[in-house]
Amino acid sequence: MAAMIQTKELTKHFGSNHAVNGLSLEVDQGEIYGFLGLNGAGKTTTIRMLLGMIRPDSGSAYVFGQRVDAGSHKLWASVGYMVETPYSYPELTVRENLEIIRRLRGISDRKAIDAIIDKLQLTAYRDRKAGTLSLGNGQRLGLAKAMLHDPQVLILDEPTNGLDPAGIVEVRELLRDLALNHGVTIFISSHILGEVSRLTTRIGIVHQGRLLQETDVKELQHVLRKRLLVQTRDSEAGRKRLLQAGYDVKLTEAGTLMIIDKRAIAHPDQISKLLAYADMPPTLIQVEEEDLEAYFLRMIEAEGGMKG
């Protein structure tokens, strides 16, 4: 079975700026793929090429196994998308904006508008002009437009931008339901790393137009660094005792002992016992895991930092 979304050596330059540089990826049916990168990494340019909005200098993009080009109009009947700031007619109401999309999409069921308004918690704003909506509700309207025709592929650029925490959770659950229970393939670009890790099944990290790494979210636990943090009433004495026992210990500026030995991380009770026997019982002992943002920045640093 062909991938639902695929790029092969996709490349786009704007003058001397290599916005996208030889990007190859595949997204299978029912996957939620997180496309992560800093601002300017090439995320939106990639999405615009996936949607046929701009033409690549070289390489190809495919949706449903069909190559995306200027003549591939039939593809978009089953694709929903939201790119950058969702566009609306500001003088028209939420409902009127969606009515335009219903007609453009050739959707005969007029109830589809009420259904998507309800699904995206826009009922209280249905008769409000789009230009008066908050950023978050404008984002909800953009999602409603993308989802009105029940697409089998959703391509979303920063879909939770401007949403409050409750709204982020609602959109997360909605997208997860579409993927798990309806087989919808979802491609999400974002720089909100923690949020993407809670939603997606696979993550691709892009930097300076190149795909640095792809990781299954389930595998993240194996690649995120861990460390054991210990505090005692005499940090220097505690450090010396642990060094004598053969542990690699660093003292942070805050006066906390930091140990990265796998045996200490796996058995913090042994560290606690050792210090207690030396009459230096720990006042704090905890295993701390690198968060996704720190991991992401570490990957970028490994590729030569955040230059250019």
Protein backbone atom coordinates (compact mmCIF):
# COMPACT_ATOMS: atom_id res chain seq x y z
CA MET A 1 0.00 0.00 0.00
CA ALA A 2 1.34 3.41 -0.99
CA ALA A 3 1.98 5.99 1.72
CA MET A 4 -0.81 8.55 2.14
CA ILE A 5 1.74 11.39 2.15
CA GLN A 6 5.22 11.12 0.67
CA THR A 7 8.03 13.41 -0.40
CA LYS A 8 11.08 12.36 -2.42
CA GLU A 9 14.15 14.60 -2.32
CA LEU A 10 11.85 17.63 -2.13
CA THR A 11 13.87 20.84 -2.64
CA LYS A 12 12.99 24.52 -2.77
CA HIS A 13 15.32 27.53 -2.83
CA PHE A 14 14.42 31.20 -2.51
CA GLY A 15 17.49 32.91 -3.86
CA SER A 16 20.39 31.76 -1.69
CA ASN A 17 18.04 30.47 1.03
CA HIS A 18 17.70 26.67 0.95
CA ALA A 19 14.20 26.56 2.45
CA VAL A 20 13.78 22.82 1.85
CA ASN A 21 16.77 20.67 0.97
CA GLY A 22 16.35 17.09 -0.28
CA LEU A 23 13.49 16.22 2.09
CA SER A 24 12.18 12.63 1.95
CA LEU A 25 9.48 11.29 4.27
CA GLU A 26 6.45 8.98 4.30
CA VAL A 27 3.25 9.05 6.36
CA ASP A 28 0.97 6.00 6.44
CA GLN A 29 -2.81 5.83 6.81
CA GLY A 30 -4.08 6.64 10.30
CA GLU A 31 -0.75 8.10 11.42
CA ILE A 32 -0.44 11.42 13.20
CA TYR A 33 2.92 12.71 12.03
CA GLY A 34 4.53 15.61 13.88
CA PHE A 35 6.74 17.78 11.66
CA LEU A 36 8.90 19.70 14.13
CA GLY A 37 11.23 22.60 13.56
CA LEU A 38 12.17 26.08 14.66
CA ASN A 39 10.63 29.04 12.85
CA GLY A 40 12.25 29.23 9.43
CA ALA A 41 13.20 25.53 9.38
CA GLY A 42 11.20 24.87 6.19
CA LYS A 43 7.94 23.51 7.65
CA THR A 44 5.47 25.83 5.92
CA THR A 45 7.35 25.69 2.60
CA THR A 46 7.15 21.88 2.72
CA ILE A 47 3.41 22.03 3.41
CA ARG A 48 2.86 24.49 0.56
CA MET A 49 4.63 22.08 -1.81
CA LEU A 50 2.57 19.15 -0.46
CA LEU A 51 -0.57 21.12 -1.29
CA GLY A 52 0.60 22.22 -4.73
CA MET A 53 0.64 25.89 -3.69
CA ILE A 54 4.25 26.31 -4.79
CA ARG A 55 6.32 24.22 -7.17
CA PRO A 56 9.49 22.48 -5.93
CA ASP A 57 12.78 23.21 -7.68
CA SER A 58 13.40 19.46 -7.69
CA GLY A 59 11.99 16.33 -6.11
CA SER A 60 8.34 15.34 -5.79
CA ALA A 61 5.42 15.31 -3.36
CA TYR A 62 2.70 12.64 -3.37
CA VAL A 63 -0.72 12.41 -1.71
CA PHE A 64 -2.70 9.12 -1.94
CA GLY A 65 0.19 7.86 -4.08
CA GLN A 66 -0.48 10.50 -6.75
CA ARG A 67 2.09 13.10 -7.64
CA VAL A 68 1.11 16.64 -6.65
CA ASP A 69 1.18 19.07 -9.57
CA ALA A 70 -0.84 21.92 -11.02
CA GLY A 71 -3.35 19.55 -12.62
CA SER A 72 -4.04 17.28 -9.65
CA HIS A 73 -7.37 18.90 -8.70
CA LYS A 74 -9.17 15.67 -7.77
CA LEU A 75 -6.73 15.07 -4.90
CA TRP A 76 -8.12 17.93 -2.84
CA ALA A 77 -11.62 16.43 -2.56
CA SER A 78 -10.27 14.20 0.24
CA VAL A 79 -7.67 16.58 1.73
CA GLY A 80 -8.27 19.21 4.40
CA TYR A 81 -5.64 21.78 5.21
CA MET A 82 -4.82 24.84 7.25
CA VAL A 83 -1.67 26.77 6.41
CA GLU A 84 -0.22 29.51 8.64
CA THR A 85 -2.88 32.01 9.79
CA PRO A 86 -6.26 30.59 8.73
CA TYR A 87 -7.87 32.92 6.20
CA SER A 88 -11.49 34.02 6.73
CA TYR A 89 -13.81 36.66 5.31
CA PRO A 90 -13.73 39.07 8.27
CA GLU A 91 -17.09 40.75 7.55
CA LEU A 92 -18.91 37.43 7.33
CA THR A 93 -20.05 35.37 10.31
CA VAL A 94 -18.58 32.03 11.29
CA ARG A 95 -21.57 30.28 9.76
CA GLU A 96 -21.37 32.33 6.53
CA ASN A 97 -17.67 31.54 6.17
CA LEU A 98 -18.42 27.84 6.49
CA GLU A 99 -21.35 28.14 4.05
CA ILE A 100 -18.91 29.41 1.40
CA ILE A 101 -16.66 26.40 1.99
CA ARG A 102 -19.68 24.06 1.86
CA ARG A 103 -20.61 25.37 -1.57
CA LEU A 104 -17.04 25.39 -2.88
CA ARG A 105 -16.62 21.79 -1.72
CA GLY A 106 -19.95 20.74 -3.26
CA ILE A 107 -21.25 19.41 0.06
CA SER A 108 -25.00 18.84 -0.28
CA ASP A 109 -25.70 18.21 3.42
CA ARG A 110 -26.41 21.60 5.00
CA LYS A 111 -26.29 20.00 8.46
CA ALA A 112 -22.54 19.51 7.99
CA ILE A 113 -22.02 23.14 9.07
CA ASP A 114 -23.89 22.74 12.36
CA ALA A 115 -22.07 19.47 13.03
CA ILE A 116 -18.58 20.96 12.58
CA ILE A 117 -19.49 24.12 14.55
CA ASP A 118 -20.56 21.89 17.44
CA LYS A 119 -17.51 19.64 17.12
CA LEU A 120 -15.11 22.59 17.35
CA GLN A 121 -16.95 24.34 20.19
CA LEU A 122 -17.93 27.32 18.02
CA THR A 123 -21.68 27.28 18.73
CA ALA A 124 -21.57 30.47 20.84
CA TYR A 125 -19.77 32.29 17.99
CA ARG A 126 -21.71 31.00 14.96
CA ASP A 127 -23.30 34.42 14.25
CA ARG A 128 -20.24 36.48 15.14
CA LYS A 129 -18.19 38.12 12.38
CA ALA A 130 -14.95 36.25 11.79
CA GLY A 131 -12.95 39.47 12.06
CA THR A 132 -13.99 39.87 15.71
CA LEU A 133 -12.89 36.38 16.82
CA SER A 134 -9.99 35.85 19.18
CA LEU A 135 -6.84 34.23 17.74
CA GLY A 136 -7.85 30.90 19.27
CA ASN A 137 -11.39 30.95 17.91
CA GLY A 138 -10.08 32.07 14.52
CA GLN A 139 -7.90 28.96 14.65
CA ARG A 140 -10.97 26.83 15.46
CA LEU A 141 -12.73 28.31 12.42
CA GLY A 142 -9.72 27.43 10.28
CA LEU A 143 -9.88 23.84 11.56
CA ALA A 144 -13.63 23.74 10.90
CA LYS A 145 -13.02 24.73 7.26
CA ALA A 146 -10.32 22.08 6.93
CA MET A 147 -12.57 19.35 8.35
CA LEU A 148 -15.99 20.28 6.92
CA HIS A 149 -15.87 17.72 4.07
CA ASP A 150 -14.65 14.76 6.22
CA PRO A 151 -11.22 14.54 4.54
CA GLN A 152 -9.10 11.40 4.70
CA VAL A 153 -5.90 13.48 4.94
CA LEU A 154 -5.46 16.55 7.15
CA ILE A 155 -2.43 18.81 6.69
CA LEU A 156 -2.23 21.37 9.48
CA ASP A 157 0.32 24.12 10.04
CA GLU A 158 0.53 25.02 13.76
CA PRO A 159 -3.08 23.91 14.49
CA THR A 160 -3.07 24.78 18.21
CA ASN A 161 -1.62 28.27 17.75
CA GLY A 162 -3.47 30.76 19.99
CA LEU A 163 -5.59 28.15 21.77
CA ASP A 164 -5.81 28.16 25.55
CA PRO A 165 -4.82 24.95 27.42
CA ALA A 166 -8.41 23.63 27.45
CA GLY A 167 -8.71 24.30 23.71
CA ILE A 168 -5.44 22.51 23.02
CA VAL A 169 -6.72 19.43 24.86
CA GLU A 170 -10.03 19.54 22.91
CA VAL A 171 -8.25 19.75 19.54
CA ARG A 172 -5.81 17.02 20.58
CA GLU A 173 -8.65 14.63 21.47
CA LEU A 174 -10.54 15.50 18.29
CA LEU A 175 -7.53 14.79 16.05
CA ARG A 176 -6.67 11.62 17.95
CA ASP A 177 -10.24 10.36 17.46
CA LEU A 178 -10.10 11.10 13.72
CA ALA A 179 -6.88 9.09 13.36
CA LEU A 180 -7.67 6.16 15.66
CA ASN A 181 -11.36 5.67 14.93
CA HIS A 182 -11.77 7.01 11.39
CA GLY A 183 -8.38 6.22 9.80
CA VAL A 184 -7.65 9.86 8.96
CA THR A 185 -4.00 10.59 8.21
CA ILE A 186 -2.83 13.78 9.93
CA PHE A 187 0.33 15.76 9.18
CA ILE A 188 1.00 18.49 11.74
CA SER A 189 3.77 21.05 11.70
CA SER A 190 4.61 22.71 14.98
CA HIS A 191 7.30 24.14 17.21
CA ILE A 192 5.33 23.29 20.38
CA LEU A 193 7.31 20.19 21.12
CA GLY A 194 5.67 18.93 24.29
CA GLU A 195 2.20 19.18 22.79
CA VAL A 196 3.21 17.33 19.62
CA SER A 197 4.73 14.48 21.66
CA ARG A 198 1.36 13.97 23.40
CA LEU A 199 -0.56 13.79 20.12
CA THR A 200 1.58 12.25 17.40
CA THR A 201 2.62 8.69 16.65
CA ARG A 202 5.84 9.68 14.87
CA ILE A 203 8.01 12.79 14.88
CA GLY A 204 10.27 14.19 12.17
CA ILE A 205 12.75 16.91 13.16
CA VAL A 206 13.57 19.39 10.39
CA HIS A 207 16.28 22.03 10.53
CA GLN A 208 17.49 24.36 7.77
CA GLY A 209 15.31 22.46 5.31
CA ARG A 210 16.76 19.02 6.06
CA LEU A 211 15.16 16.14 7.93
CA LEU A 212 17.54 15.45 10.82
CA GLN A 213 15.76 12.54 12.41
CA GLU A 214 12.53 10.56 12.56
CA THR A 215 11.46 8.92 15.82
CA ASP A 216 8.50 6.84 16.95
CA VAL A 217 6.97 8.60 19.95
CA LYS A 218 7.08 5.26 21.80
CA GLU A 219 10.84 5.13 21.22
CA LEU A 220 11.44 8.58 22.69
CA GLN A 221 11.81 7.10 26.17
CA HIS A 222 14.91 5.27 24.96
CA VAL A 223 16.63 8.32 23.45
CA LEU A 224 15.83 11.01 26.01
CA ARG A 225 18.71 11.48 28.43
CA LYS A 226 18.20 10.90 32.14
CA ARG A 227 20.13 12.11 35.18
CA LEU A 228 19.93 11.64 38.92
CA LEU A 229 19.73 14.83 40.98
CA VAL A 230 20.78 14.70 44.64
CA GLN A 231 20.85 17.34 47.33
CA THR A 232 22.54 16.98 50.72
CA ARG A 233 23.29 19.43 53.52
CA ASP A 234 26.97 19.39 52.50
CA SER A 235 27.13 19.16 48.71
CA GLU A 236 30.91 19.14 48.41
CA ALA A 237 31.32 16.39 51.02
CA GLY A 238 28.58 14.40 49.30
CA ARG A 239 30.28 14.83 45.93
CA LYS A 240 33.58 13.55 47.29
CA ARG A 241 31.91 10.51 48.85
CA LEU A 242 30.20 9.60 45.60
CA LEU A 243 33.42 10.12 43.64
CA GLN A 244 35.17 7.72 46.03
CA ALA A 245 32.46 5.18 45.26
CA GLY A 246 33.24 5.47 41.55
CA TYR A 247 30.37 7.66 40.37
CA ASP A 248 30.80 10.51 37.88
CA VAL A 249 29.34 13.47 39.80
CA LYS A 250 29.02 17.13 38.85
CA LEU A 251 28.01 19.98 41.11
CA THR A 252 25.54 22.38 39.49
CA GLU A 253 25.50 26.13 40.13
CA ALA A 254 22.45 25.58 42.35
CA GLY A 255 24.47 23.27 44.58
CA THR A 256 22.75 20.08 43.37
CA LEU A 257 24.73 16.93 42.66
CA MET A 258 24.13 15.56 39.16
CA ILE A 259 24.93 11.95 38.27
CA ILE A 260 24.52 10.50 34.78
CA ASP A 261 25.79 6.95 35.51
CA LYS A 262 23.18 4.43 34.33
CA ARG A 263 23.64 2.30 37.45
CA ALA A 264 22.86 5.30 39.70
CA ILE A 265 19.79 6.22 37.62
CA ALA A 266 18.55 2.63 37.73
CA HIS A 267 19.19 2.30 41.51
CA PRO A 268 18.84 5.68 43.24
CA ASP A 269 18.21 3.78 46.46
CA GLN A 270 21.87 2.72 46.43
CA ILE A 271 22.98 6.37 46.25
CA SER A 272 20.64 7.24 49.09
CA LYS A 273 21.97 4.37 51.22
CA LEU A 274 25.61 5.26 50.51
CA LEU A 275 25.12 8.88 51.58
CA ALA A 276 23.05 7.93 54.62
CA TYR A 277 25.79 5.55 55.84
CA ALA A 278 28.27 8.45 55.44
CA ASP A 279 26.02 10.54 57.70
CA MET A 280 24.98 12.74 54.74
CA PRO A 281 21.39 11.62 54.04
CA PRO A 282 19.95 13.22 50.89
CA THR A 283 17.35 15.94 51.33
CA LEU A 284 16.28 15.41 47.70
CA ILE A 285 16.86 12.56 45.28
CA GLN A 286 15.08 12.29 41.92
CA VAL A 287 15.55 10.99 38.40
CA GLU A 288 15.02 13.79 35.88
CA GLU A 289 14.37 13.04 32.22
CA GLU A 290 15.34 15.35 29.37
CA ASP A 291 12.20 16.94 27.94
CA LEU A 292 11.44 16.89 24.23
CA GLU A 293 12.53 20.48 23.74
CA ALA A 294 15.97 19.81 25.22
CA TYR A 295 16.27 16.69 23.04
CA PHE A 296 15.26 18.68 19.96
CA LEU A 297 17.84 21.40 20.64
CA ARG A 298 20.48 18.74 21.29
CA MET A 299 19.77 17.21 17.88
CA ILE A 300 20.13 20.63 16.25
CA GLU A 301 23.38 21.32 18.10
CA ALA A 302 24.71 17.97 16.88
CA GLU A 303 24.07 19.17 13.33
CA GLY A 304 26.17 22.29 13.73
CA GLY A 305 23.99 24.49 15.88
CA MET A 306 21.38 27.02 14.99
CA LYS A 307 23.28 29.07 12.48
CA GLY A 308 21.70 30.78 9.53
